[in-house]
């Protein structure tokens, strides 16, 4: 099944060479999880902490649906 993945900020470096923009469509197996999609792009799990789909935060073990869009953010740091 196909899903869209939007990589934000420092995660853009994991987009395949020649990708235009920040979003890519990838093919994953039926029943794949968020973790499977992140792994398919070669992103280490600790570099992708927040995954949002349709304004809903997803856990790494959430099962994906055909046509779903994931917005993946790196962990934030800083503050006091």
PDB file of N, CA and C in Angstrom:
ATOM      1  N   UNK A   1       0.840  -1.170   0.000  1.00  0.00           N
ATOM      2  CA  UNK A   1       0.000   0.000   0.000  1.00  0.00           C
ATOM      3  C   UNK A   1       0.887   1.236   0.000  1.00  0.00           C
ATOM      4  N   UNK A   2       0.343   2.334  -0.472  1.00  0.00           N
ATOM      5  CA  UNK A   2       1.114   3.567  -0.574  1.00  0.00           C
ATOM      6  C   UNK A   2       0.693   4.549   0.514  1.00  0.00           C
ATOM      7  N   UNK A   3       1.707   5.193   1.095  1.00  0.00           N
ATOM      8  CA  UNK A   3       1.479   6.254   2.071  1.00  0.00           C
ATOM      9  C   UNK A   3       2.378   7.437   1.714  1.00  0.00           C
ATOM     10  N   UNK A   4       2.031   8.600   2.220  1.00  0.00           N
ATOM     11  CA  UNK A   4       2.865   9.785   2.028  1.00  0.00           C
ATOM     12  C   UNK A   4       3.579  10.082   3.335  1.00  0.00           C
ATOM     13  N   UNK A   5       4.859  10.445   3.228  1.00  0.00           N
ATOM     14  CA  UNK A   5       5.649  10.791   4.405  1.00  0.00           C
ATOM     15  C   UNK A   5       6.245  12.166   4.176  1.00  0.00           C
ATOM     16  N   UNK A   6       5.957  13.088   5.083  1.00  0.00           N
ATOM     17  CA  UNK A   6       6.512  14.435   5.052  1.00  0.00           C
ATOM     18  C   UNK A   6       7.571  14.524   6.147  1.00  0.00           C
ATOM     19  N   UNK A   7       8.820  14.727   5.746  1.00  0.00           N
ATOM     20  CA  UNK A   7       9.907  14.825   6.711  1.00  0.00           C
ATOM     21  C   UNK A   7      10.200  16.288   6.996  1.00  0.00           C
ATOM     22  N   UNK A   8      10.210  16.644   8.266  1.00  0.00           N
ATOM     23  CA  UNK A   8      10.381  18.034   8.680  1.00  0.00           C
ATOM     24  C   UNK A   8      11.786  18.287   9.225  1.00  0.00           C
ATOM     25  N   UNK A   9      12.229  19.531   9.055  1.00  0.00           N
ATOM     26  CA  UNK A   9      13.488  20.034   9.625  1.00  0.00           C
ATOM     27  C   UNK A   9      14.672  19.130   9.268  1.00  0.00           C
ATOM     28  N   UNK A  10      15.432  18.725  10.264  1.00  0.00           N
ATOM     29  CA  UNK A  10      16.673  17.973  10.019  1.00  0.00           C
ATOM     30  C   UNK A  10      16.438  16.579   9.443  1.00  0.00           C
ATOM     31  N   UNK A  11      15.208  16.089   9.447  1.00  0.00           N
ATOM     32  CA  UNK A  11      14.926  14.762   8.892  1.00  0.00           C
ATOM     33  C   UNK A  11      14.888  14.764   7.368  1.00  0.00           C
ATOM     34  N   UNK A  12      14.852  15.934   6.757  1.00  0.00           N
ATOM     35  CA  UNK A  12      14.808  16.017   5.290  1.00  0.00           C
ATOM     36  C   UNK A  12      16.007  15.331   4.637  1.00  0.00           C
ATOM     37  N   UNK A  13      17.107  15.226   5.374  1.00  0.00           N
ATOM     38  CA  UNK A  13      18.306  14.589   4.811  1.00  0.00           C
ATOM     39  C   UNK A  13      18.080  13.111   4.501  1.00  0.00           C
ATOM     40  N   UNK A  14      17.014  12.531   5.017  1.00  0.00           N
ATOM     41  CA  UNK A  14      16.701  11.127   4.749  1.00  0.00           C
ATOM     42  C   UNK A  14      15.823  10.930   3.510  1.00  0.00           C
ATOM     43  N   UNK A  15      15.429  12.020   2.864  1.00  0.00           N
ATOM     44  CA  UNK A  15      14.679  11.892   1.610  1.00  0.00           C
ATOM     45  C   UNK A  15      15.615  11.342   0.536  1.00  0.00           C
ATOM     46  N   UNK A  16      15.112  10.489  -0.337  1.00  0.00           N
ATOM     47  CA  UNK A  16      15.950   9.969  -1.418  1.00  0.00           C
ATOM     48  C   UNK A  16      16.471  11.108  -2.304  1.00  0.00           C
ATOM     49  N   UNK A  17      17.668  10.916  -2.845  1.00  0.00           N
ATOM     50  CA  UNK A  17      18.265  11.913  -3.741  1.00  0.00           C
ATOM     51  C   UNK A  17      17.303  12.222  -4.873  1.00  0.00           C
ATOM     52  N   UNK A  18      17.205  13.496  -5.210  1.00  0.00           N
ATOM     53  CA  UNK A  18      16.351  13.925  -6.306  1.00  0.00           C
ATOM     54  C   UNK A  18      14.911  14.185  -5.920  1.00  0.00           C
ATOM     55  N   UNK A  19      14.567  14.001  -4.641  1.00  0.00           N
ATOM     56  CA  UNK A  19      13.203  14.257  -4.193  1.00  0.00           C
ATOM     57  C   UNK A  19      12.927  15.758  -4.222  1.00  0.00           C
ATOM     58  N   UNK A  20      11.821  16.135  -4.843  1.00  0.00           N
ATOM     59  CA  UNK A  20      11.414  17.541  -4.874  1.00  0.00           C
ATOM     60  C   UNK A  20      10.478  17.783  -3.698  1.00  0.00           C
ATOM     61  N   UNK A  21      10.797  18.752  -2.870  1.00  0.00           N
ATOM     62  CA  UNK A  21       9.959  19.052  -1.715  1.00  0.00           C
ATOM     63  C   UNK A  21      10.308  18.186  -0.523  1.00  0.00           C
ATOM     64  N   UNK A  22       9.408  18.171   0.452  1.00  0.00           N
ATOM     65  CA  UNK A  22       9.639  17.472   1.713  1.00  0.00           C
ATOM     66  C   UNK A  22       8.825  16.192   1.852  1.00  0.00           C
ATOM     67  N   UNK A  23       8.005  15.886   0.861  1.00  0.00           N
ATOM     68  CA  UNK A  23       7.081  14.758   0.953  1.00  0.00           C
ATOM     69  C   UNK A  23       7.398  13.721  -0.102  1.00  0.00           C
ATOM     70  N   UNK A  24       7.325  12.468   0.306  1.00  0.00           N
ATOM     71  CA  UNK A  24       7.574  11.361  -0.607  1.00  0.00           C
ATOM     72  C   UNK A  24       6.465  10.327  -0.421  1.00  0.00           C
ATOM     73  N   UNK A  25       6.119   9.652  -1.501  1.00  0.00           N
ATOM     74  CA  UNK A  25       5.189   8.532  -1.426  1.00  0.00           C
ATOM     75  C   UNK A  25       6.015   7.259  -1.406  1.00  0.00           C
ATOM     76  N   UNK A  26       5.745   6.407  -0.413  1.00  0.00           N
ATOM     77  CA  UNK A  26       6.459   5.138  -0.324  1.00  0.00           C
ATOM     78  C   UNK A  26       5.456   3.992  -0.301  1.00  0.00           C
ATOM     79  N   UNK A  27       5.934   2.829  -0.631  1.00  0.00           N
ATOM     80  CA  UNK A  27       5.112   1.627  -0.596  1.00  0.00           C
ATOM     81  C   UNK A  27       5.535   0.799   0.608  1.00  0.00           C
ATOM     82  N   UNK A  28       4.548   0.419   1.414  1.00  0.00           N
ATOM     83  CA  UNK A  28       4.782  -0.435   2.574  1.00  0.00           C
ATOM     84  C   UNK A  28       3.814  -1.613   2.499  1.00  0.00           C
ATOM     85  N   UNK A  29       4.138  -2.668   3.201  1.00  0.00           N
ATOM     86  CA  UNK A  29       3.282  -3.855   3.211  1.00  0.00           C
ATOM     87  C   UNK A  29       1.977  -3.570   3.949  1.00  0.00           C
ATOM     88  N   UNK A  30       0.923  -4.231   3.554  1.00  0.00           N
ATOM     89  CA  UNK A  30      -0.337  -4.143   4.291  1.00  0.00           C
ATOM     90  C   UNK A  30      -0.078  -4.571   5.724  1.00  0.00           C
ATOM     91  N   UNK A  31      -0.583  -3.796   6.663  1.00  0.00           N
ATOM     92  CA  UNK A  31      -0.356  -4.090   8.074  1.00  0.00           C
ATOM     93  C   UNK A  31       0.908  -3.463   8.631  1.00  0.00           C
ATOM     94  N   UNK A  32       1.629  -2.694   7.799  1.00  0.00           N
ATOM     95  CA  UNK A  32       2.855  -2.040   8.259  1.00  0.00           C
ATOM     96  C   UNK A  32       2.541  -1.021   9.340  1.00  0.00           C
ATOM     97  N   UNK A  33       3.516  -0.788  10.181  1.00  0.00           N
ATOM     98  CA  UNK A  33       3.377   0.184  11.267  1.00  0.00           C
ATOM     99  C   UNK A  33       4.126   1.467  10.923  1.00  0.00           C
ATOM    100  N   UNK A  34       3.907   2.477  11.751  1.00  0.00           N
ATOM    101  CA  UNK A  34       4.651   3.724  11.614  1.00  0.00           C
ATOM    102  C   UNK A  34       6.146   3.421  11.677  1.00  0.00           C
ATOM    103  N   UNK A  35       6.563   2.596  12.604  1.00  0.00           N
ATOM    104  CA  UNK A  35       7.977   2.224  12.747  1.00  0.00           C
ATOM    105  C   UNK A  35       8.512   1.611  11.450  1.00  0.00           C
ATOM    106  N   UNK A  36       7.716   0.783  10.789  1.00  0.00           N
ATOM    107  CA  UNK A  36       8.137   0.174   9.519  1.00  0.00           C
ATOM    108  C   UNK A  36       8.395   1.240   8.464  1.00  0.00           C
ATOM    109  N   UNK A  37       7.522   2.232   8.386  1.00  0.00           N
ATOM    110  CA  UNK A  37       7.674   3.302   7.391  1.00  0.00           C
ATOM    111  C   UNK A  37       8.926   4.125   7.670  1.00  0.00           C
ATOM    112  N   UNK A  38       9.166   4.449   8.924  1.00  0.00           N
ATOM    113  CA  UNK A  38      10.344   5.226   9.308  1.00  0.00           C
ATOM    114  C   UNK A  38      11.604   4.436   8.980  1.00  0.00           C
ATOM    115  N   UNK A  39      11.584   3.167   9.291  1.00  0.00           N
ATOM    116  CA  UNK A  39      12.730   2.295   9.022  1.00  0.00           C
ATOM    117  C   UNK A  39      12.991   2.170   7.526  1.00  0.00           C
ATOM    118  N   UNK A  40      11.934   2.114   6.720  1.00  0.00           N
ATOM    119  CA  UNK A  40      12.082   1.993   5.265  1.00  0.00           C
ATOM    120  C   UNK A  40      12.835   3.174   4.667  1.00  0.00           C
ATOM    121  N   UNK A  41      12.766   4.329   5.327  1.00  0.00           N
ATOM    122  CA  UNK A  41      13.476   5.513   4.859  1.00  0.00           C
ATOM    123  C   UNK A  41      14.876   5.618   5.455  1.00  0.00           C
ATOM    124  N   UNK A  42      15.252   4.659   6.303  1.00  0.00           N
ATOM    125  CA  UNK A  42      16.587   4.661   6.889  1.00  0.00           C
ATOM    126  C   UNK A  42      16.757   5.649   8.032  1.00  0.00           C
ATOM    127  N   UNK A  43      15.650   6.053   8.628  1.00  0.00           N
ATOM    128  CA  UNK A  43      15.715   7.015   9.726  1.00  0.00           C
ATOM    129  C   UNK A  43      15.844   6.249  11.040  1.00  0.00           C
ATOM    130  N   UNK A  44      16.918   6.502  11.806  1.00  0.00           N
ATOM    131  CA  UNK A  44      17.028   5.856  13.119  1.00  0.00           C
ATOM    132  C   UNK A  44      15.856   6.261  14.010  1.00  0.00           C
ATOM    133  N   UNK A  45      15.312   5.323  14.749  1.00  0.00           N
ATOM    134  CA  UNK A  45      14.117   5.563  15.565  1.00  0.00           C
ATOM    135  C   UNK A  45      14.280   6.754  16.503  1.00  0.00           C
ATOM    136  N   UNK A  46      15.472   6.948  17.050  1.00  0.00           N
ATOM    137  CA  UNK A  46      15.659   8.043  17.999  1.00  0.00           C
ATOM    138  C   UNK A  46      15.643   9.411  17.323  1.00  0.00           C
ATOM    139  N   UNK A  47      15.723   9.452  15.992  1.00  0.00           N
ATOM    140  CA  UNK A  47      15.700  10.722  15.268  1.00  0.00           C
ATOM    141  C   UNK A  47      14.303  11.130  14.830  1.00  0.00           C
ATOM    142  N   UNK A  48      13.333  10.267  14.996  1.00  0.00           N
ATOM    143  CA  UNK A  48      11.960  10.570  14.595  1.00  0.00           C
ATOM    144  C   UNK A  48      11.052  10.289  15.781  1.00  0.00           C
ATOM    145  N   UNK A  49      10.826  11.286  16.586  1.00  0.00           N
ATOM    146  CA  UNK A  49      10.080  11.097  17.824  1.00  0.00           C
ATOM    147  C   UNK A  49       8.588  11.359  17.712  1.00  0.00           C
ATOM    148  N   UNK A  50       8.185  12.290  16.864  1.00  0.00           N
ATOM    149  CA  UNK A  50       6.773  12.637  16.804  1.00  0.00           C
ATOM    150  C   UNK A  50       6.253  12.400  15.393  1.00  0.00           C
ATOM    151  N   UNK A  51       5.219  11.597  15.283  1.00  0.00           N
ATOM    152  CA  UNK A  51       4.600  11.328  13.998  1.00  0.00           C
ATOM    153  C   UNK A  51       3.136  11.746  14.105  1.00  0.00           C
ATOM    154  N   UNK A  52       2.722  12.596  13.195  1.00  0.00           N
ATOM    155  CA  UNK A  52       1.360  13.120  13.216  1.00  0.00           C
ATOM    156  C   UNK A  52       0.668  12.729  11.916  1.00  0.00           C
ATOM    157  N   UNK A  53      -0.552  12.283  12.018  1.00  0.00           N
ATOM    158  CA  UNK A  53      -1.364  11.951  10.854  1.00  0.00           C
ATOM    159  C   UNK A  53      -2.759  12.500  11.091  1.00  0.00           C
ATOM    160  N   UNK A  54      -3.212  13.355  10.176  1.00  0.00           N
ATOM    161  CA  UNK A  54      -4.556  13.936  10.283  1.00  0.00           C
ATOM    162  C   UNK A  54      -4.783  14.529  11.674  1.00  0.00           C
ATOM    163  N   UNK A  55      -3.809  15.318  12.146  1.00  0.00           N
ATOM    164  CA  UNK A  55      -3.884  15.996  13.444  1.00  0.00           C
ATOM    165  C   UNK A  55      -3.955  15.044  14.627  1.00  0.00           C
ATOM    166  N   UNK A  56      -3.514  13.818  14.438  1.00  0.00           N
ATOM    167  CA  UNK A  56      -3.525  12.828  15.509  1.00  0.00           C
ATOM    168  C   UNK A  56      -2.102  12.310  15.693  1.00  0.00           C
ATOM    169  N   UNK A  57      -1.581  12.372  16.919  1.00  0.00           N
ATOM    170  CA  UNK A  57      -0.240  11.847  17.171  1.00  0.00           C
ATOM    171  C   UNK A  57      -0.306  10.330  17.205  1.00  0.00           C
ATOM    172  N   UNK A  58       0.616   9.698  16.493  1.00  0.00           N
ATOM    173  CA  UNK A  58       0.621   8.242  16.398  1.00  0.00           C
ATOM    174  C   UNK A  58       1.793   7.643  17.155  1.00  0.00           C
ATOM    175  N   UNK A  59       1.575   6.498  17.719  1.00  0.00           N
ATOM    176  CA  UNK A  59       2.638   5.715  18.351  1.00  0.00           C
ATOM    177  C   UNK A  59       3.393   4.948  17.261  1.00  0.00           C
ATOM    178  N   UNK A  60       4.655   4.586  17.512  1.00  0.00           N
ATOM    179  CA  UNK A  60       5.427   3.841  16.508  1.00  0.00           C
ATOM    180  C   UNK A  60       4.785   2.519  16.092  1.00  0.00           C
ATOM    181  N   UNK A  61       3.967   1.946  16.965  1.00  0.00           N
ATOM    182  CA  UNK A  61       3.349   0.654  16.656  1.00  0.00           C
ATOM    183  C   UNK A  61       1.984   0.776  15.978  1.00  0.00           C
ATOM    184  N   UNK A  62       1.527   2.005  15.698  1.00  0.00           N
ATOM    185  CA  UNK A  62       0.229   2.203  15.042  1.00  0.00           C
ATOM    186  C   UNK A  62       0.262   1.635  13.633  1.00  0.00           C
ATOM    187  N   UNK A  63      -0.792   0.957  13.249  1.00  0.00           N
ATOM    188  CA  UNK A  63      -0.901   0.378  11.910  1.00  0.00           C
ATOM    189  C   UNK A  63      -1.318   1.454  10.916  1.00  0.00           C
ATOM    190  N   UNK A  64      -0.680   1.443   9.765  1.00  0.00           N
ATOM    191  CA  UNK A  64      -0.946   2.439   8.722  1.00  0.00           C
ATOM    192  C   UNK A  64      -2.103   2.021   7.826  1.00  0.00           C
ATOM    193  N   UNK A  65      -2.714   3.030   7.184  1.00  0.00           N
ATOM    194  CA  UNK A  65      -3.799   2.796   6.233  1.00  0.00           C
ATOM    195  C   UNK A  65      -3.373   3.296   4.853  1.00  0.00           C
ATOM    196  N   UNK A  66      -3.900   2.705   3.826  1.00  0.00           N
ATOM    197  CA  UNK A  66      -3.647   3.128   2.443  1.00  0.00           C
ATOM    198  C   UNK A  66      -3.900   4.627   2.309  1.00  0.00           C
ATOM    199  N   UNK A  67      -2.965   5.342   1.699  1.00  0.00           N
ATOM    200  CA  UNK A  67      -3.123   6.755   1.431  1.00  0.00           C
ATOM    201  C   UNK A  67      -2.862   7.673   2.618  1.00  0.00           C
ATOM    202  N   UNK A  68      -2.511   7.106   3.754  1.00  0.00           N
ATOM    203  CA  UNK A  68      -2.282   7.920   4.948  1.00  0.00           C
ATOM    204  C   UNK A  68      -1.071   8.829   4.745  1.00  0.00           C
ATOM    205  N   UNK A  69      -1.106   9.996   5.375  1.00  0.00           N
ATOM    206  CA  UNK A  69       0.019  10.931   5.338  1.00  0.00           C
ATOM    207  C   UNK A  69       0.595  11.041   6.738  1.00  0.00           C
ATOM    208  N   UNK A  70       1.903  10.867   6.825  1.00  0.00           N
ATOM    209  CA  UNK A  70       2.613  11.016   8.087  1.00  0.00           C
ATOM    210  C   UNK A  70       3.481  12.257   8.022  1.00  0.00           C
ATOM    211  N   UNK A  71       3.409  13.097   9.030  1.00  0.00           N
ATOM    212  CA  UNK A  71       4.309  14.235   9.191  1.00  0.00           C
ATOM    213  C   UNK A  71       5.253  13.853  10.313  1.00  0.00           C
ATOM    214  N   UNK A  72       6.537  13.758  10.007  1.00  0.00           N
ATOM    215  CA  UNK A  72       7.520  13.253  10.954  1.00  0.00           C
ATOM    216  C   UNK A  72       8.436  14.395  11.388  1.00  0.00           C
ATOM    217  N   UNK A  73       8.515  14.601  12.705  1.00  0.00           N
ATOM    218  CA  UNK A  73       9.305  15.690  13.283  1.00  0.00           C
ATOM    219  C   UNK A  73      10.457  15.117  14.090  1.00  0.00           C
ATOM    220  N   UNK A  74      11.618  15.772  14.050  1.00  0.00           N
ATOM    221  CA  UNK A  74      12.722  15.329  14.901  1.00  0.00           C
ATOM    222  C   UNK A  74      12.447  15.716  16.351  1.00  0.00           C
ATOM    223  N   UNK A  75      13.165  15.094  17.298  1.00  0.00           N
ATOM    224  CA  UNK A  75      12.994  15.500  18.685  1.00  0.00           C
ATOM    225  C   UNK A  75      13.444  16.945  18.866  1.00  0.00           C
ATOM    226  N   UNK A  76      12.759  17.659  19.721  1.00  0.00           N
ATOM    227  CA  UNK A  76      13.108  19.045  20.008  1.00  0.00           C
ATOM    228  C   UNK A  76      13.969  19.093  21.263  1.00  0.00           C
ATOM    229  N   UNK A  77      14.866  20.040  21.305  1.00  0.00           N
ATOM    230  CA  UNK A  77      15.735  20.206  22.466  1.00  0.00           C
ATOM    231  C   UNK A  77      15.842  21.676  22.783  1.00  0.00           C
ATOM    232  N   UNK A  78      16.325  21.945  23.950  1.00  0.00           N
ATOM    233  CA  UNK A  78      16.557  23.327  24.339  1.00  0.00           C
ATOM    234  C   UNK A  78      15.666  23.729  25.491  1.00  0.00           C
ATOM    235  N   UNK A  79      15.664  24.992  25.778  1.00  0.00           N
ATOM    236  CA  UNK A  79      14.875  25.497  26.893  1.00  0.00           C
ATOM    237  C   UNK A  79      15.689  25.473  28.168  1.00  0.00           C
ATOM    238  N   UNK A  80      15.055  25.860  29.220  1.00  0.00           N
ATOM    239  CA  UNK A  80      15.763  25.913  30.507  1.00  0.00           C
ATOM    240  C   UNK A  80      15.091  25.039  31.531  1.00  0.00           C
TER     241      UNK A  80
END
